[in-house]
């Protein structure tokens, strides 16, 4: 197959592409605008493979996207390109509207026009896989889980923009019969993650003796999903997911933010025994909570388990140790990604 992966230089997209190139015979076309979180160094191990192709392009540019579709004749699209950080959306929501809503609409129209010209047998197997987030569902109380039928109730400009894009994708199926599938995932972690997100931010700050910021009281609960497990799920859904269906992808690992940070500190105490900042837990600093901060997310992933046979392989304990070791062993990648515009400053305080 020829598969276009938008946002393939990002955290999740690069994990998907590395798996595709290593474990399949598919041709992968990475379409990425290389905004602040896009990093081609995350794809160095596959960049010289003849089945990997990179296109420096913005999904909002219709002419360029039409050229890419015509040139590569894709059999499927996995759409991961998105602005994805809640704090950044609070500081500047317009970029999220442009990329996540306008960009998705543009991509849908280019893909639909291409699909309309395909032969009937190609049409049947074609899929537009839209990758979304559990944050579209809003907040949960202490019990219950998000299912595929949970009503949307986004809290931030980021989650509202992703909810909008989900609705567009479903509308293209209902209006035009365009073949789509949607996945909504819980919080991802793993190697190659941009250090504005909690786990790499805390890890890199701790190694330098900098404060470890905890929003509010740190009791916000997230379901943690290792990025390699997520990538396997995304590939499976693209291959075998049913048309017009939604699949929730969760890690079965609910942890409070404070638990996550303390786990990282404990691992660093063990893995970096000569650190002058031990115990690293002393670096924890409580900061004002961000506006509209959801208290709990938790995914019911029974549908993808029952229908497609996917379950996460990593526990949080196994996954977090692999993740911290990766950051410790890839200081050059960390340094290069920090040389850009983001220097682990506080984002999303609403000011």
C-alpha atoms as a PDB file:
ATOM      1  CA  UNK A   1       0.000   0.000   0.000  1.00  0.00           C
ATOM      2  CA  UNK A   2       0.907   3.637  -0.429  1.00  0.00           C
ATOM      3  CA  UNK A   3      -0.018   5.402   2.822  1.00  0.00           C
ATOM      4  CA  UNK A   4       0.095   9.143   3.442  1.00  0.00           C
ATOM      5  CA  UNK A   5       0.819  10.002   7.084  1.00  0.00           C
ATOM      6  CA  UNK A   6       0.221  13.658   7.867  1.00  0.00           C
ATOM      7  CA  UNK A   7       2.194  15.012  10.807  1.00  0.00           C
ATOM      8  CA  UNK A   8       4.663  12.182  10.457  1.00  0.00           C
ATOM      9  CA  UNK A   9       7.563  14.153  11.954  1.00  0.00           C
ATOM     10  CA  UNK A  10       5.668  14.576  15.216  1.00  0.00           C
ATOM     11  CA  UNK A  11       5.753  12.402  18.309  1.00  0.00           C
ATOM     12  CA  UNK A  12       3.023   9.884  17.431  1.00  0.00           C
ATOM     13  CA  UNK A  13       3.427  10.173  13.664  1.00  0.00           C
ATOM     14  CA  UNK A  14       7.133   9.332  13.766  1.00  0.00           C
ATOM     15  CA  UNK A  15       6.413   6.277  15.924  1.00  0.00           C
ATOM     16  CA  UNK A  16       3.843   5.098  13.378  1.00  0.00           C
ATOM     17  CA  UNK A  17       6.255   5.593  10.475  1.00  0.00           C
ATOM     18  CA  UNK A  18       9.140   3.830  12.217  1.00  0.00           C
ATOM     19  CA  UNK A  19       6.876   0.821  12.772  1.00  0.00           C
ATOM     20  CA  UNK A  20       5.536   0.844   9.216  1.00  0.00           C
ATOM     21  CA  UNK A  21       9.004   0.890   7.683  1.00  0.00           C
ATOM     22  CA  UNK A  22      10.419  -1.739  10.061  1.00  0.00           C
ATOM     23  CA  UNK A  23       7.473  -4.144  10.145  1.00  0.00           C
ATOM     24  CA  UNK A  24       5.647  -3.861   6.799  1.00  0.00           C
ATOM     25  CA  UNK A  25       6.315  -3.477   3.097  1.00  0.00           C
ATOM     26  CA  UNK A  26       4.145  -0.381   2.707  1.00  0.00           C
ATOM     27  CA  UNK A  27       5.368   2.822   1.067  1.00  0.00           C
ATOM     28  CA  UNK A  28       5.005   5.713   3.505  1.00  0.00           C
ATOM     29  CA  UNK A  29       4.657   9.353   2.476  1.00  0.00           C
ATOM     30  CA  UNK A  30       5.303  11.673   5.410  1.00  0.00           C
ATOM     31  CA  UNK A  31       3.573  15.041   4.948  1.00  0.00           C
ATOM     32  CA  UNK A  32       4.683  17.545   7.570  1.00  0.00           C
ATOM     33  CA  UNK A  33       5.002  21.336   7.775  1.00  0.00           C
ATOM     34  CA  UNK A  34       7.775  20.988  10.405  1.00  0.00           C
ATOM     35  CA  UNK A  35       6.296  23.429  12.879  1.00  0.00           C
ATOM     36  CA  UNK A  36       7.924  23.683  16.314  1.00  0.00           C
ATOM     37  CA  UNK A  37       7.130  20.071  17.363  1.00  0.00           C
ATOM     38  CA  UNK A  38       8.025  18.437  14.035  1.00  0.00           C
ATOM     39  CA  UNK A  39      11.466  16.861  14.138  1.00  0.00           C
ATOM     40  CA  UNK A  40      12.979  14.860  11.289  1.00  0.00           C
ATOM     41  CA  UNK A  41      15.694  13.585  13.647  1.00  0.00           C
ATOM     42  CA  UNK A  42      13.005  11.294  15.051  1.00  0.00           C
ATOM     43  CA  UNK A  43      13.020   9.509  11.667  1.00  0.00           C
ATOM     44  CA  UNK A  44      16.774   9.236  11.078  1.00  0.00           C
ATOM     45  CA  UNK A  45      16.690   5.453  11.342  1.00  0.00           C
ATOM     46  CA  UNK A  46      14.290   5.160   8.367  1.00  0.00           C
ATOM     47  CA  UNK A  47      15.036   8.265   6.299  1.00  0.00           C
ATOM     48  CA  UNK A  48      17.225   6.418   3.779  1.00  0.00           C
ATOM     49  CA  UNK A  49      14.761   3.596   3.226  1.00  0.00           C
ATOM     50  CA  UNK A  50      13.460   3.546  -0.347  1.00  0.00           C
ATOM     51  CA  UNK A  51       9.896   3.059   0.920  1.00  0.00           C
ATOM     52  CA  UNK A  52       9.983   6.278   2.950  1.00  0.00           C
ATOM     53  CA  UNK A  53       9.235   9.630   1.322  1.00  0.00           C
ATOM     54  CA  UNK A  54       9.115  13.052   2.949  1.00  0.00           C
ATOM     55  CA  UNK A  55       7.054  15.983   1.699  1.00  0.00           C
ATOM     56  CA  UNK A  56       7.559  19.328   3.403  1.00  0.00           C
ATOM     57  CA  UNK A  57       4.012  20.629   3.104  1.00  0.00           C
ATOM     58  CA  UNK A  58       1.157  22.281   4.969  1.00  0.00           C
ATOM     59  CA  UNK A  59      -2.189  20.444   4.912  1.00  0.00           C
ATOM     60  CA  UNK A  60      -3.875  23.856   4.525  1.00  0.00           C
ATOM     61  CA  UNK A  61      -2.254  24.290   1.091  1.00  0.00           C
ATOM     62  CA  UNK A  62      -4.760  22.756  -1.322  1.00  0.00           C
ATOM     63  CA  UNK A  63      -2.605  22.914  -4.450  1.00  0.00           C
ATOM     64  CA  UNK A  64       0.360  21.220  -2.813  1.00  0.00           C
ATOM     65  CA  UNK A  65      -1.834  18.518  -1.270  1.00  0.00           C
ATOM     66  CA  UNK A  66      -3.452  17.839  -4.663  1.00  0.00           C
ATOM     67  CA  UNK A  67       0.000  17.432  -6.190  1.00  0.00           C
ATOM     68  CA  UNK A  68       1.017  14.974  -3.438  1.00  0.00           C
ATOM     69  CA  UNK A  69      -2.110  12.857  -3.929  1.00  0.00           C
ATOM     70  CA  UNK A  70      -1.596  12.798  -7.690  1.00  0.00           C
ATOM     71  CA  UNK A  71       2.089  11.929  -7.389  1.00  0.00           C
ATOM     72  CA  UNK A  72       1.871   9.151  -4.799  1.00  0.00           C
ATOM     73  CA  UNK A  73      -1.587   7.665  -5.516  1.00  0.00           C
ATOM     74  CA  UNK A  74      -2.310   6.746  -1.870  1.00  0.00           C
ATOM     75  CA  UNK A  75      -4.432   3.772  -0.832  1.00  0.00           C
ATOM     76  CA  UNK A  76      -5.046   5.274   2.605  1.00  0.00           C
ATOM     77  CA  UNK A  77      -4.508   8.406   4.682  1.00  0.00           C
ATOM     78  CA  UNK A  78      -3.584   8.499   8.357  1.00  0.00           C
ATOM     79  CA  UNK A  79      -4.227  12.058   9.491  1.00  0.00           C
ATOM     80  CA  UNK A  80      -2.145  13.002  12.529  1.00  0.00           C
ATOM     81  CA  UNK A  81      -1.169  16.566  11.637  1.00  0.00           C
ATOM     82  CA  UNK A  82      -2.445  18.813  14.417  1.00  0.00           C
ATOM     83  CA  UNK A  83      -1.596  21.426  16.960  1.00  0.00           C
ATOM     84  CA  UNK A  84      -1.814  19.329  20.104  1.00  0.00           C
ATOM     85  CA  UNK A  85      -0.849  21.092  23.342  1.00  0.00           C
ATOM     86  CA  UNK A  86      -3.608  22.431  25.604  1.00  0.00           C
ATOM     87  CA  UNK A  87      -1.425  25.105  27.219  1.00  0.00           C
ATOM     88  CA  UNK A  88      -0.324  26.406  23.828  1.00  0.00           C
ATOM     89  CA  UNK A  89      -3.971  26.558  22.692  1.00  0.00           C
ATOM     90  CA  UNK A  90      -4.801  28.769  25.673  1.00  0.00           C
ATOM     91  CA  UNK A  91      -2.063  31.213  24.720  1.00  0.00           C
ATOM     92  CA  UNK A  92      -2.855  31.185  20.977  1.00  0.00           C
ATOM     93  CA  UNK A  93      -6.063  29.440  19.861  1.00  0.00           C
ATOM     94  CA  UNK A  94      -6.028  30.735  16.267  1.00  0.00           C
ATOM     95  CA  UNK A  95      -3.285  28.321  15.150  1.00  0.00           C
ATOM     96  CA  UNK A  96      -5.392  25.423  16.449  1.00  0.00           C
ATOM     97  CA  UNK A  97      -8.437  26.567  14.495  1.00  0.00           C
ATOM     98  CA  UNK A  98      -6.378  26.924  11.334  1.00  0.00           C
ATOM     99  CA  UNK A  99      -4.533  23.594  11.438  1.00  0.00           C
ATOM    100  CA  UNK A 100      -7.006  21.323  13.206  1.00  0.00           C
ATOM    101  CA  UNK A 101     -10.232  22.556  11.597  1.00  0.00           C
ATOM    102  CA  UNK A 102      -9.375  24.373   8.360  1.00  0.00           C
ATOM    103  CA  UNK A 103      -6.512  21.985   7.597  1.00  0.00           C
ATOM    104  CA  UNK A 104      -8.655  18.916   8.183  1.00  0.00           C
ATOM    105  CA  UNK A 105     -11.422  20.323   5.994  1.00  0.00           C
ATOM    106  CA  UNK A 106      -8.930  21.002   3.208  1.00  0.00           C
ATOM    107  CA  UNK A 107      -7.445  17.520   3.489  1.00  0.00           C
ATOM    108  CA  UNK A 108     -10.899  15.932   3.432  1.00  0.00           C
ATOM    109  CA  UNK A 109     -11.810  17.791   0.254  1.00  0.00           C
ATOM    110  CA  UNK A 110      -8.561  16.953  -1.529  1.00  0.00           C
ATOM    111  CA  UNK A 111      -8.891  13.303  -0.478  1.00  0.00           C
ATOM    112  CA  UNK A 112     -12.564  13.141  -1.488  1.00  0.00           C
ATOM    113  CA  UNK A 113     -11.841  14.557  -4.929  1.00  0.00           C
ATOM    114  CA  UNK A 114      -9.049  12.001  -5.360  1.00  0.00           C
ATOM    115  CA  UNK A 115     -11.304   9.177  -4.083  1.00  0.00           C
ATOM    116  CA  UNK A 116     -14.095  10.114  -6.509  1.00  0.00           C
ATOM    117  CA  UNK A 117     -11.743   9.446  -9.414  1.00  0.00           C
ATOM    118  CA  UNK A 118     -10.639   6.018  -8.179  1.00  0.00           C
ATOM    119  CA  UNK A 119     -11.835   2.738  -9.676  1.00  0.00           C
ATOM    120  CA  UNK A 120     -14.624   1.002  -7.763  1.00  0.00           C
ATOM    121  CA  UNK A 121     -12.362  -1.701  -6.324  1.00  0.00           C
ATOM    122  CA  UNK A 122      -9.873   0.909  -5.094  1.00  0.00           C
ATOM    123  CA  UNK A 123     -12.702   2.979  -3.619  1.00  0.00           C
ATOM    124  CA  UNK A 124     -13.880   0.094  -1.483  1.00  0.00           C
ATOM    125  CA  UNK A 125     -10.507  -0.408   0.226  1.00  0.00           C
ATOM    126  CA  UNK A 126      -9.589   3.281   0.615  1.00  0.00           C
ATOM    127  CA  UNK A 127      -9.655   4.752   4.145  1.00  0.00           C
ATOM    128  CA  UNK A 128      -9.250   8.203   5.655  1.00  0.00           C
ATOM    129  CA  UNK A 129      -8.121   7.538   9.246  1.00  0.00           C
ATOM    130  CA  UNK A 130      -8.547  10.577  11.468  1.00  0.00           C
ATOM    131  CA  UNK A 131      -6.522  10.433  14.688  1.00  0.00           C
ATOM    132  CA  UNK A 132      -8.095  12.335  17.575  1.00  0.00           C
ATOM    133  CA  UNK A 133      -8.028  12.580  21.372  1.00  0.00           C
ATOM    134  CA  UNK A 134     -10.076  11.648  24.427  1.00  0.00           C
ATOM    135  CA  UNK A 135     -10.068  15.327  25.411  1.00  0.00           C
ATOM    136  CA  UNK A 136     -13.020  15.921  23.069  1.00  0.00           C
ATOM    137  CA  UNK A 137     -15.196  14.193  25.678  1.00  0.00           C
ATOM    138  CA  UNK A 138     -14.416  16.746  28.391  1.00  0.00           C
ATOM    139  CA  UNK A 139     -14.197  15.854  32.061  1.00  0.00           C
ATOM    140  CA  UNK A 140     -15.036  12.711  34.043  1.00  0.00           C
ATOM    141  CA  UNK A 141     -15.957  12.362  37.688  1.00  0.00           C
ATOM    142  CA  UNK A 142     -14.248   9.809  39.925  1.00  0.00           C
ATOM    143  CA  UNK A 143     -16.016   6.888  38.241  1.00  0.00           C
ATOM    144  CA  UNK A 144     -16.962   5.955  34.714  1.00  0.00           C
ATOM    145  CA  UNK A 145     -15.090   5.862  31.423  1.00  0.00           C
ATOM    146  CA  UNK A 146     -15.233   7.498  28.019  1.00  0.00           C
ATOM    147  CA  UNK A 147     -16.847   5.217  25.454  1.00  0.00           C
ATOM    148  CA  UNK A 148     -17.355   5.731  21.745  1.00  0.00           C
ATOM    149  CA  UNK A 149     -20.888   6.944  22.545  1.00  0.00           C
ATOM    150  CA  UNK A 150     -19.866   9.570  25.133  1.00  0.00           C
ATOM    151  CA  UNK A 151     -21.177  13.028  24.238  1.00  0.00           C
ATOM    152  CA  UNK A 152     -18.593  15.621  23.260  1.00  0.00           C
ATOM    153  CA  UNK A 153     -17.941  18.349  25.829  1.00  0.00           C
ATOM    154  CA  UNK A 154     -14.531  19.934  25.099  1.00  0.00           C
ATOM    155  CA  UNK A 155     -13.003  22.289  27.670  1.00  0.00           C
ATOM    156  CA  UNK A 156     -10.061  23.958  25.904  1.00  0.00           C
ATOM    157  CA  UNK A 157      -9.452  25.583  22.508  1.00  0.00           C
ATOM    158  CA  UNK A 158      -7.363  22.512  21.632  1.00  0.00           C
ATOM    159  CA  UNK A 159     -10.043  19.948  22.468  1.00  0.00           C
ATOM    160  CA  UNK A 160     -12.736  22.105  20.846  1.00  0.00           C
ATOM    161  CA  UNK A 161     -10.717  22.224  17.614  1.00  0.00           C
ATOM    162  CA  UNK A 162     -10.242  18.445  17.657  1.00  0.00           C
ATOM    163  CA  UNK A 163     -13.949  17.911  18.362  1.00  0.00           C
ATOM    164  CA  UNK A 164     -14.718  20.116  15.368  1.00  0.00           C
ATOM    165  CA  UNK A 165     -12.428  18.105  13.127  1.00  0.00           C
ATOM    166  CA  UNK A 166     -14.036  14.841  14.318  1.00  0.00           C
ATOM    167  CA  UNK A 167     -17.459  16.211  13.381  1.00  0.00           C
ATOM    168  CA  UNK A 168     -16.182  17.223   9.942  1.00  0.00           C
ATOM    169  CA  UNK A 169     -14.825  13.735   9.282  1.00  0.00           C
ATOM    170  CA  UNK A 170     -18.147  12.118  10.252  1.00  0.00           C
ATOM    171  CA  UNK A 171     -20.044  14.636   8.124  1.00  0.00           C
ATOM    172  CA  UNK A 172     -17.947  13.768   5.056  1.00  0.00           C
ATOM    173  CA  UNK A 173     -19.004  10.146   5.496  1.00  0.00           C
ATOM    174  CA  UNK A 174     -22.679  10.934   6.054  1.00  0.00           C
ATOM    175  CA  UNK A 175     -22.926  13.525   3.291  1.00  0.00           C
ATOM    176  CA  UNK A 176     -20.629  12.110   0.623  1.00  0.00           C
ATOM    177  CA  UNK A 177     -20.193   8.457   1.589  1.00  0.00           C
ATOM    178  CA  UNK A 178     -16.475   9.148   1.952  1.00  0.00           C
ATOM    179  CA  UNK A 179     -14.831   6.178   3.781  1.00  0.00           C
ATOM    180  CA  UNK A 180     -13.499   7.225   7.185  1.00  0.00           C
ATOM    181  CA  UNK A 181     -12.496   5.815  10.544  1.00  0.00           C
ATOM    182  CA  UNK A 182     -11.793   7.779  13.735  1.00  0.00           C
ATOM    183  CA  UNK A 183      -9.690   6.937  16.783  1.00  0.00           C
ATOM    184  CA  UNK A 184      -9.659   8.797  20.100  1.00  0.00           C
ATOM    185  CA  UNK A 185      -6.684   8.078  22.345  1.00  0.00           C
ATOM    186  CA  UNK A 186      -5.654   8.760  25.913  1.00  0.00           C
ATOM    187  CA  UNK A 187      -2.441  10.544  26.986  1.00  0.00           C
ATOM    188  CA  UNK A 188       0.581   9.286  25.065  1.00  0.00           C
ATOM    189  CA  UNK A 189       4.132   9.012  26.384  1.00  0.00           C
ATOM    190  CA  UNK A 190       7.350   7.460  25.149  1.00  0.00           C
ATOM    191  CA  UNK A 191      10.518   8.296  23.234  1.00  0.00           C
ATOM    192  CA  UNK A 192      10.871  11.328  20.940  1.00  0.00           C
ATOM    193  CA  UNK A 193       8.166  13.397  22.700  1.00  0.00           C
ATOM    194  CA  UNK A 194       8.514  17.174  22.501  1.00  0.00           C
ATOM    195  CA  UNK A 195       9.448  18.517  25.957  1.00  0.00           C
ATOM    196  CA  UNK A 196       6.420  20.698  26.532  1.00  0.00           C
ATOM    197  CA  UNK A 197       4.493  17.589  27.620  1.00  0.00           C
ATOM    198  CA  UNK A 198       4.563  16.425  31.229  1.00  0.00           C
ATOM    199  CA  UNK A 199       6.889  13.403  31.172  1.00  0.00           C
ATOM    200  CA  UNK A 200       9.766  14.756  29.042  1.00  0.00           C
ATOM    201  CA  UNK A 201       9.415  18.196  30.657  1.00  0.00           C
ATOM    202  CA  UNK A 202       9.769  16.774  34.165  1.00  0.00           C
ATOM    203  CA  UNK A 203      12.570  14.412  33.133  1.00  0.00           C
ATOM    204  CA  UNK A 204      14.718  17.066  31.485  1.00  0.00           C
ATOM    205  CA  UNK A 205      14.066  19.648  34.200  1.00  0.00           C
ATOM    206  CA  UNK A 206      15.000  17.158  36.921  1.00  0.00           C
ATOM    207  CA  UNK A 207      18.281  16.284  35.205  1.00  0.00           C
ATOM    208  CA  UNK A 208      19.193  19.988  35.303  1.00  0.00           C
ATOM    209  CA  UNK A 209      17.935  20.639  38.834  1.00  0.00           C
ATOM    210  CA  UNK A 210      15.120  22.878  37.616  1.00  0.00           C
ATOM    211  CA  UNK A 211      11.667  23.088  39.258  1.00  0.00           C
ATOM    212  CA  UNK A 212       9.185  20.338  38.408  1.00  0.00           C
ATOM    213  CA  UNK A 213       5.892  22.221  37.922  1.00  0.00           C
ATOM    214  CA  UNK A 214       2.703  20.538  39.156  1.00  0.00           C
ATOM    215  CA  UNK A 215      -0.604  22.173  38.259  1.00  0.00           C
ATOM    216  CA  UNK A 216      -2.874  22.775  41.247  1.00  0.00           C
ATOM    217  CA  UNK A 217      -2.688  19.881  43.708  1.00  0.00           C
ATOM    218  CA  UNK A 218      -1.502  17.352  41.112  1.00  0.00           C
ATOM    219  CA  UNK A 219      -4.547  15.133  41.531  1.00  0.00           C
ATOM    220  CA  UNK A 220      -5.663  15.356  37.902  1.00  0.00           C
ATOM    221  CA  UNK A 221      -5.965  11.799  36.560  1.00  0.00           C
ATOM    222  CA  UNK A 222      -4.916  10.682  33.099  1.00  0.00           C
ATOM    223  CA  UNK A 223      -4.897   7.277  31.390  1.00  0.00           C
ATOM    224  CA  UNK A 224      -1.355   6.769  30.080  1.00  0.00           C
ATOM    225  CA  UNK A 225      -0.767   5.007  26.746  1.00  0.00           C
ATOM    226  CA  UNK A 226       2.696   4.141  25.468  1.00  0.00           C
ATOM    227  CA  UNK A 227       3.228   5.595  22.004  1.00  0.00           C
ATOM    228  CA  UNK A 228       4.371   2.251  20.537  1.00  0.00           C
ATOM    229  CA  UNK A 229       1.150   0.597  21.720  1.00  0.00           C
ATOM    230  CA  UNK A 230      -0.797   3.475  20.205  1.00  0.00           C
ATOM    231  CA  UNK A 231       1.055   3.173  16.895  1.00  0.00           C
ATOM    232  CA  UNK A 232       0.213  -0.551  16.726  1.00  0.00           C
ATOM    233  CA  UNK A 233      -3.434   0.286  17.364  1.00  0.00           C
ATOM    234  CA  UNK A 234      -3.506   2.960  14.660  1.00  0.00           C
ATOM    235  CA  UNK A 235      -2.056   0.602  12.080  1.00  0.00           C
ATOM    236  CA  UNK A 236      -4.541  -2.106  13.048  1.00  0.00           C
ATOM    237  CA  UNK A 237      -7.506   0.266  12.759  1.00  0.00           C
ATOM    238  CA  UNK A 238      -6.370   1.443   9.335  1.00  0.00           C
ATOM    239  CA  UNK A 239      -6.013  -2.170   8.173  1.00  0.00           C
ATOM    240  CA  UNK A 240      -9.099  -3.778   9.720  1.00  0.00           C
ATOM    241  CA  UNK A 241     -11.313  -1.083  11.264  1.00  0.00           C
ATOM    242  CA  UNK A 242     -14.845  -0.905   9.905  1.00  0.00           C
ATOM    243  CA  UNK A 243     -15.923   2.035   7.778  1.00  0.00           C
ATOM    244  CA  UNK A 244     -17.428   5.002   9.680  1.00  0.00           C
ATOM    245  CA  UNK A 245     -16.573   3.491  13.067  1.00  0.00           C
ATOM    246  CA  UNK A 246     -14.890   5.158  16.040  1.00  0.00           C
ATOM    247  CA  UNK A 247     -12.411   3.287  18.243  1.00  0.00           C
ATOM    248  CA  UNK A 248     -11.194   4.512  21.618  1.00  0.00           C
ATOM    249  CA  UNK A 249      -7.575   3.605  22.405  1.00  0.00           C
ATOM    250  CA  UNK A 250      -6.530   3.578  26.070  1.00  0.00           C
ATOM    251  CA  UNK A 251      -3.594   2.330  28.091  1.00  0.00           C
ATOM    252  CA  UNK A 252      -5.477   1.000  31.149  1.00  0.00           C
ATOM    253  CA  UNK A 253      -3.048   3.024  33.269  1.00  0.00           C
ATOM    254  CA  UNK A 254      -4.804   5.690  35.324  1.00  0.00           C
ATOM    255  CA  UNK A 255      -2.371   7.837  37.301  1.00  0.00           C
ATOM    256  CA  UNK A 256      -2.535  11.238  38.950  1.00  0.00           C
ATOM    257  CA  UNK A 257      -0.101  13.812  37.626  1.00  0.00           C
ATOM    258  CA  UNK A 258       1.610  13.804  41.017  1.00  0.00           C
ATOM    259  CA  UNK A 259       2.037  10.010  40.890  1.00  0.00           C
ATOM    260  CA  UNK A 260       3.633  10.306  37.445  1.00  0.00           C
ATOM    261  CA  UNK A 261       6.079  12.983  38.559  1.00  0.00           C
ATOM    262  CA  UNK A 262       7.045  11.089  41.724  1.00  0.00           C
ATOM    263  CA  UNK A 263       7.596   7.929  39.650  1.00  0.00           C
ATOM    264  CA  UNK A 264       9.946   9.826  37.345  1.00  0.00           C
ATOM    265  CA  UNK A 265      11.821  11.250  40.323  1.00  0.00           C
ATOM    266  CA  UNK A 266      12.221   7.801  41.863  1.00  0.00           C
ATOM    267  CA  UNK A 267      13.511   6.345  38.596  1.00  0.00           C
ATOM    268  CA  UNK A 268      16.010   9.171  38.161  1.00  0.00           C
ATOM    269  CA  UNK A 269      17.241   8.673  41.720  1.00  0.00           C
ATOM    270  CA  UNK A 270      17.991   5.073  40.739  1.00  0.00           C
ATOM    271  CA  UNK A 271      19.219   5.566  37.169  1.00  0.00           C
ATOM    272  CA  UNK A 272      21.352   8.666  37.835  1.00  0.00           C
ATOM    273  CA  UNK A 273      22.876   7.810  41.231  1.00  0.00           C
ATOM    274  CA  UNK A 274      25.505  10.560  41.049  1.00  0.00           C
ATOM    275  CA  UNK A 275      22.982  13.340  40.391  1.00  0.00           C
ATOM    276  CA  UNK A 276      23.564  16.335  42.682  1.00  0.00           C
ATOM    277  CA  UNK A 277      19.795  16.911  42.751  1.00  0.00           C
ATOM    278  CA  UNK A 278      18.829  13.722  44.590  1.00  0.00           C
ATOM    279  CA  UNK A 279      16.256  13.141  45.806  1.00  0.00           C
ATOM    280  CA  UNK A 280      14.689  14.625  42.691  1.00  0.00           C
ATOM    281  CA  UNK A 281      11.309  14.798  44.404  1.00  0.00           C
ATOM    282  CA  UNK A 282      12.564  17.878  46.287  1.00  0.00           C
ATOM    283  CA  UNK A 283      12.349  19.777  42.969  1.00  0.00           C
ATOM    284  CA  UNK A 284       8.547  19.451  42.808  1.00  0.00           C
ATOM    285  CA  UNK A 285       6.892  22.875  42.721  1.00  0.00           C
ATOM    286  CA  UNK A 286       3.144  23.485  42.805  1.00  0.00           C
ATOM    287  CA  UNK A 287       1.930  26.160  40.384  1.00  0.00           C
ATOM    288  CA  UNK A 288      -1.434  27.756  39.680  1.00  0.00           C
ATOM    289  CA  UNK A 289      -3.738  25.391  37.820  1.00  0.00           C
ATOM    290  CA  UNK A 290      -4.389  26.141  34.170  1.00  0.00           C
ATOM    291  CA  UNK A 291      -7.806  27.534  33.134  1.00  0.00           C
ATOM    292  CA  UNK A 292     -10.450  24.891  32.347  1.00  0.00           C
ATOM    293  CA  UNK A 293      -8.232  22.024  33.502  1.00  0.00           C
ATOM    294  CA  UNK A 294     -10.149  18.724  33.274  1.00  0.00           C
ATOM    295  CA  UNK A 295      -9.818  16.612  36.411  1.00  0.00           C
ATOM    296  CA  UNK A 296     -10.011  13.097  34.988  1.00  0.00           C
ATOM    297  CA  UNK A 297      -9.813  11.269  31.666  1.00  0.00           C
ATOM    298  CA  UNK A 298     -10.220   7.509  31.378  1.00  0.00           C
ATOM    299  CA  UNK A 299     -10.813   5.406  28.263  1.00  0.00           C
ATOM    300  CA  UNK A 300     -12.981   2.325  27.863  1.00  0.00           C
ATOM    301  CA  UNK A 301     -11.034   0.442  25.193  1.00  0.00           C
ATOM    302  CA  UNK A 302     -13.283  -2.652  25.146  1.00  0.00           C
ATOM    303  CA  UNK A 303     -14.481  -2.046  21.575  1.00  0.00           C
ATOM    304  CA  UNK A 304     -11.044  -2.133  19.924  1.00  0.00           C
ATOM    305  CA  UNK A 305     -10.167  -5.147  22.074  1.00  0.00           C
ATOM    306  CA  UNK A 306     -13.365  -7.045  21.218  1.00  0.00           C
ATOM    307  CA  UNK A 307     -13.649  -6.061  17.545  1.00  0.00           C
ATOM    308  CA  UNK A 308      -9.998  -5.882  16.456  1.00  0.00           C
ATOM    309  CA  UNK A 309      -8.064  -7.772  19.138  1.00  0.00           C
ATOM    310  CA  UNK A 310      -5.845  -4.909  20.311  1.00  0.00           C
ATOM    311  CA  UNK A 311      -4.562  -4.542  23.849  1.00  0.00           C
ATOM    312  CA  UNK A 312      -1.630  -2.497  25.171  1.00  0.00           C
ATOM    313  CA  UNK A 313       1.571  -4.441  25.739  1.00  0.00           C
ATOM    314  CA  UNK A 314       3.206  -1.924  28.080  1.00  0.00           C
ATOM    315  CA  UNK A 315       2.225  -1.365  31.669  1.00  0.00           C
ATOM    316  CA  UNK A 316       2.912   2.125  32.949  1.00  0.00           C
ATOM    317  CA  UNK A 317       5.766   0.734  35.041  1.00  0.00           C
ATOM    318  CA  UNK A 318       7.487  -0.950  32.069  1.00  0.00           C
ATOM    319  CA  UNK A 319       6.777   1.909  29.680  1.00  0.00           C
ATOM    320  CA  UNK A 320       7.932   4.739  31.911  1.00  0.00           C
ATOM    321  CA  UNK A 321      11.253   3.035  32.650  1.00  0.00           C
ATOM    322  CA  UNK A 322      11.883   2.540  28.911  1.00  0.00           C
ATOM    323  CA  UNK A 323      10.952   6.167  28.312  1.00  0.00           C
ATOM    324  CA  UNK A 324      13.240   7.636  30.974  1.00  0.00           C
ATOM    325  CA  UNK A 325      16.118   5.444  29.772  1.00  0.00           C
ATOM    326  CA  UNK A 326      15.575   6.702  26.228  1.00  0.00           C
ATOM    327  CA  UNK A 327      15.875  10.336  27.303  1.00  0.00           C
ATOM    328  CA  UNK A 328      18.972   9.534  29.332  1.00  0.00           C
ATOM    329  CA  UNK A 329      20.578   7.800  26.331  1.00  0.00           C
ATOM    330  CA  UNK A 330      19.589  10.388  23.723  1.00  0.00           C
ATOM    331  CA  UNK A 331      20.857  13.649  25.134  1.00  0.00           C
ATOM    332  CA  UNK A 332      21.815  14.892  21.658  1.00  0.00           C
ATOM    333  CA  UNK A 333      18.215  14.599  20.412  1.00  0.00           C
ATOM    334  CA  UNK A 334      17.030  16.378  23.569  1.00  0.00           C
ATOM    335  CA  UNK A 335      19.560  19.163  23.111  1.00  0.00           C
ATOM    336  CA  UNK A 336      18.676  19.722  19.473  1.00  0.00           C
ATOM    337  CA  UNK A 337      14.944  19.854  20.110  1.00  0.00           C
ATOM    338  CA  UNK A 338      15.535  22.370  22.897  1.00  0.00           C
ATOM    339  CA  UNK A 339      17.609  24.626  20.640  1.00  0.00           C
ATOM    340  CA  UNK A 340      14.381  25.746  18.940  1.00  0.00           C
ATOM    341  CA  UNK A 341      11.744  28.209  20.089  1.00  0.00           C
ATOM    342  CA  UNK A 342      10.540  26.173  23.064  1.00  0.00           C
ATOM    343  CA  UNK A 343      12.760  26.220  26.124  1.00  0.00           C
ATOM    344  CA  UNK A 344      10.431  24.488  28.604  1.00  0.00           C
ATOM    345  CA  UNK A 345       8.884  27.785  29.717  1.00  0.00           C
ATOM    346  CA  UNK A 346       5.474  27.907  31.401  1.00  0.00           C
ATOM    347  CA  UNK A 347       2.689  27.912  28.819  1.00  0.00           C
ATOM    348  CA  UNK A 348      -1.073  28.168  29.161  1.00  0.00           C
ATOM    349  CA  UNK A 349      -1.538  30.395  32.200  1.00  0.00           C
ATOM    350  CA  UNK A 350      -4.178  32.347  30.289  1.00  0.00           C
ATOM    351  CA  UNK A 351      -2.231  35.641  30.396  1.00  0.00           C
END
